Protein backbone atom coordinates (compact mmCIF):
# COMPACT_ATOMS: atom_id res chain seq x y z
CA MET A 1 -0.42 -0.02 0.25
CA MET A 2 2.72 2.15 1.27
CA ASP A 3 4.09 1.54 -2.91
CA ASP A 4 1.01 2.35 -4.48
CA VAL A 5 1.17 5.86 -2.12
CA LEU A 6 4.50 6.48 -3.74
CA GLY A 7 4.06 5.88 -7.37
CA TRP A 8 0.56 7.90 -7.30
CA LEU A 9 2.68 10.76 -5.76
CA ASP A 10 4.94 9.93 -8.77
CA ARG A 11 2.47 9.97 -11.64
CA GLU A 12 1.01 13.44 -9.86
CA GLY A 13 4.63 15.10 -10.30
CA ILE A 14 4.56 15.58 -6.36
CA ALA A 15 7.72 15.36 -4.93
CA ARG A 16 6.50 16.07 -1.50
CA THR A 17 3.44 15.74 0.36
CA THR A 18 1.24 16.46 3.83
CA LEU A 19 0.34 13.02 4.18
CA LEU A 20 -3.48 12.10 6.75
CA GLY A 21 -4.31 8.89 6.90
CA HIS A 22 -7.06 7.08 9.46
CA SER A 23 -6.82 4.14 10.71
CA LEU A 24 -5.27 1.36 8.25
CA GLY A 25 -4.46 4.84 6.22
CA GLY A 26 -3.34 5.55 9.63
CA LYS A 27 -0.76 3.21 9.65
CA VAL A 28 0.25 2.81 5.73
CA ALA A 29 0.57 7.25 6.49
CA MET A 30 3.44 6.40 8.99
CA LEU A 31 5.41 3.83 7.15
CA LEU A 32 5.55 5.51 3.81
CA ALA A 33 6.77 9.23 6.72
CA CYS A 34 9.39 6.94 7.60
CA ARG A 35 10.77 5.05 5.25
CA HIS A 36 10.61 8.00 2.52
CA PRO A 37 11.25 11.12 5.00
CA ASP A 38 11.67 13.16 1.64
CA ARG A 39 8.48 12.62 0.33
CA VAL A 40 6.58 14.33 3.63
CA GLU A 41 6.08 17.82 5.11
CA ARG A 42 3.41 16.62 7.78
CA LEU A 43 2.23 14.02 8.47
CA PHE A 44 -1.14 13.71 10.24
CA VAL A 45 -2.66 9.96 12.24
CA VAL A 46 -6.05 9.57 13.25
CA ASP A 47 -6.99 6.97 15.91
CA ILE A 48 -4.32 4.06 15.26
CA ALA A 49 -0.61 3.93 17.07
CA PRO A 50 2.09 2.00 15.94
CA ARG A 51 1.12 -1.56 17.69
CA ASN A 52 -0.63 -4.62 16.82
CA TYR A 53 -4.42 -4.90 17.00
CA LEU A 54 -5.35 -8.25 16.97
CA SER A 55 -9.01 -7.22 17.25
CA GLN A 56 -12.35 -9.42 17.03
CA ALA A 57 -14.26 -6.63 15.87
CA HIS A 58 -11.72 -6.43 12.83
CA ARG A 59 -12.86 -10.30 12.28
CA ALA A 60 -16.70 -9.35 12.24
CA GLU A 61 -16.40 -5.93 10.05
CA PHE A 62 -14.42 -8.34 7.84
CA ALA A 63 -17.32 -10.75 8.07
CA ALA A 64 -20.27 -8.38 7.48
CA MET A 65 -18.88 -7.33 3.98
CA ASN A 66 -18.15 -10.58 2.73
CA GLU A 67 -21.98 -11.81 3.69
CA LEU A 68 -23.25 -8.33 2.75
CA ASP A 69 -25.44 -9.93 -0.90
CA LEU A 70 -24.49 -7.23 -2.99
CA ALA A 71 -27.05 -8.29 -5.48
CA THR A 72 -30.27 -7.91 -3.88
CA LEU A 73 -28.44 -4.72 -2.55
CA GLN A 74 -30.64 -1.54 -2.48
CA SER A 75 -28.39 1.30 -0.90
CA ARG A 76 -25.48 1.99 1.12
CA GLY A 77 -27.85 3.01 3.73
CA GLU A 78 -29.91 -0.62 3.18
CA ALA A 79 -25.83 -2.26 3.42
CA GLU A 80 -25.42 0.23 7.57
CA LEU A 81 -28.94 -1.91 8.48
CA ARG A 82 -27.81 -5.50 7.35
CA PHE A 83 -25.00 -5.06 9.14
CA GLU A 84 -26.03 -4.09 12.03
CA GLY A 85 -26.28 -7.85 13.73
CA ARG A 86 -22.58 -7.61 13.90
CA VAL A 87 -21.29 -4.29 13.30
CA PRO A 88 -22.33 -2.83 16.45
CA ASP A 89 -21.24 1.45 15.69
CA TRP A 90 -22.87 3.20 13.56
CA SER A 91 -20.33 5.34 12.97
CA MET A 92 -18.39 2.07 12.20
CA ARG A 93 -21.59 0.48 9.60
CA LYS A 94 -21.49 4.15 8.09
CA PHE A 95 -17.80 3.85 7.48
CA LEU A 96 -17.77 0.75 5.80
CA ALA A 97 -20.89 1.91 3.72
CA THR A 98 -18.89 4.37 1.90
CA ASN A 99 -16.64 1.55 0.30
CA LEU A 100 -19.16 0.75 -1.96
CA ASP A 101 -19.73 2.08 -4.71
CA ARG A 102 -22.35 1.66 -8.16
CA THR A 103 -21.96 0.11 -11.33
CA GLU A 104 -22.71 1.56 -14.43
CA ALA A 105 -25.51 -1.37 -14.98
CA GLY A 106 -26.44 0.22 -11.13
CA GLY A 107 -25.61 -2.60 -9.06
CA TRP A 108 -22.94 -2.48 -7.19
CA ARG A 109 -19.47 -3.19 -5.89
CA TRP A 110 -16.84 -2.97 -3.43
CA MET A 111 -14.35 0.10 -4.49
CA VAL A 112 -11.56 -2.12 -2.64
CA ASN A 113 -9.96 -5.79 -2.84
CA LEU A 114 -12.41 -6.96 -0.11
CA PRO A 115 -11.09 -10.59 -0.91
CA ALA A 116 -7.07 -9.46 -0.80
CA LEU A 117 -7.93 -7.33 2.10
CA THR A 118 -8.96 -10.22 4.18
CA ASP A 119 -6.78 -12.98 3.59
CA ALA A 120 -4.57 -10.24 4.03
CA LEU A 121 -5.52 -9.30 7.65
CA PRO A 122 -3.75 -10.67 9.83
CA LEU A 123 -0.29 -8.76 8.12
CA ILE A 124 -2.40 -5.76 8.23
CA GLU A 125 -3.71 -5.97 11.61
CA ARG A 126 0.93 -6.15 12.69
CA ASP A 127 3.02 -3.20 13.49
CA SER A 128 4.81 -2.75 9.96
CA LEU A 129 7.37 -0.56 11.62
CA THR A 130 10.64 -1.61 13.05
CA GLU A 131 12.58 -0.28 15.62
CA GLY A 132 14.69 2.06 13.63
CA ASP A 133 11.78 3.54 11.96
CA ARG A 134 11.50 7.52 12.78
CA PHE A 135 10.04 10.30 11.10
CA GLY A 136 11.70 13.47 12.43
CA GLY A 137 9.01 15.86 10.77
CA PRO A 138 5.65 17.85 11.84
CA THR A 139 3.47 15.15 13.18
CA HIS A 140 0.10 14.93 14.90
CA PHE A 141 -2.24 12.75 15.87
CA ILE A 142 -5.50 13.15 15.67
CA LEU A 143 -7.11 10.65 19.01
CA GLY A 144 -11.19 10.14 19.47
CA GLY A 145 -11.76 9.92 23.32
CA LYS A 146 -13.57 7.27 23.52
CA SER A 147 -11.90 5.13 21.23
CA ARG A 148 -9.51 2.22 22.46
CA TYR A 149 -7.35 2.61 19.39
CA VAL A 150 -4.74 4.43 21.22
CA LEU A 151 -4.40 4.10 24.30
CA PRO A 152 -2.06 6.16 27.00
CA THR A 153 0.38 2.80 26.97
CA ASP A 154 0.80 3.96 23.47
CA GLU A 155 2.02 7.27 23.48
CA GLU A 156 6.52 6.45 24.71
CA LYS A 157 6.22 4.31 20.77
CA ILE A 158 4.43 6.97 19.01
CA ARG A 159 7.16 9.69 20.10
CA ARG A 160 10.21 7.27 19.60
CA HIS A 161 8.96 6.74 16.07
CA PHE A 162 7.46 10.54 15.89
CA PRO A 163 9.32 12.62 18.34
CA HIS A 164 8.03 15.67 17.25
CA ALA A 165 4.55 14.18 17.24
CA THR A 166 1.60 16.29 19.35
CA LEU A 167 -0.85 13.71 20.56
CA THR A 168 -4.88 15.82 20.63
CA SER A 169 -7.79 13.88 22.04
CA LEU A 170 -11.48 15.19 20.85
CA PRO A 171 -13.76 13.67 24.36
CA ASP A 172 -16.76 12.65 22.05
CA ALA A 173 -15.27 10.41 19.35
CA GLY A 174 -15.00 7.37 19.09
CA HIS A 175 -12.18 5.59 16.20
CA ASN A 176 -14.17 7.46 12.97
CA PRO A 177 -13.68 11.33 14.99
CA HIS A 178 -14.17 12.80 11.53
CA MET A 179 -17.18 11.45 11.14
CA GLU A 180 -18.08 11.26 14.59
CA SER A 181 -16.85 15.31 15.63
CA ARG A 182 -16.64 16.16 11.66
CA GLU A 183 -16.40 19.72 13.44
CA GLN A 184 -14.43 19.53 15.83
CA PHE A 185 -12.42 17.60 13.33
CA VAL A 186 -12.04 20.54 10.82
CA LYS A 187 -11.13 22.35 13.76
CA THR A 188 -8.50 20.89 14.66
CA PHE A 189 -7.05 20.10 11.29
CA LEU A 190 -7.32 22.88 10.01
CA GLU A 191 -5.50 24.14 13.39
CA LEU A 192 -2.84 21.91 13.29
CA ALA A 193 -1.87 22.50 9.52
CA GLY A 194 -1.54 26.21 10.70
CA SER A 195 0.91 25.12 13.58
CA LYS A 196 4.66 26.07 13.14
CA THR A 197 6.19 22.86 15.05
CA PRO A 198 9.21 21.93 13.75
């Protein structure tokens, strides 16, 4: 995934950029910043830490996606309702449904390679950073105050890989702060993006 992002940056002629990644996207962004710091101006990581995540919730979410009968699906809203039995969090159901796209024939398809992601889940859940990975540029972690994805015990490792990291918690948000506390998330992002930290 990191190589895919680098390939896209190269095709678009972007030599250096600000990266923002949520959850798995945050893991990809952290890895790219550490391995290719010359390509990253500033890093934003949303509600994920550089550690292993072995979660039954992930398996339930992937099961819900794989079980969804796309042939009979009428809308994203209906998909969210069908996810309810396996995915209790409303924002996660909504997030999963954003990966659905209309086909030219009017049906539905997954925008992501769901079989490949499902097969790779054990690898995806692992911490992709090694002991020597560092990014010394401006780094901001935006966390959901009600989420358990980033714990107080994670801060030491965050600072080991990202020595200039700031951690900002949005108290009313869970794992999807960009959806659950959208206005506060955007306000926080813009304030941090305008900051002059090293």
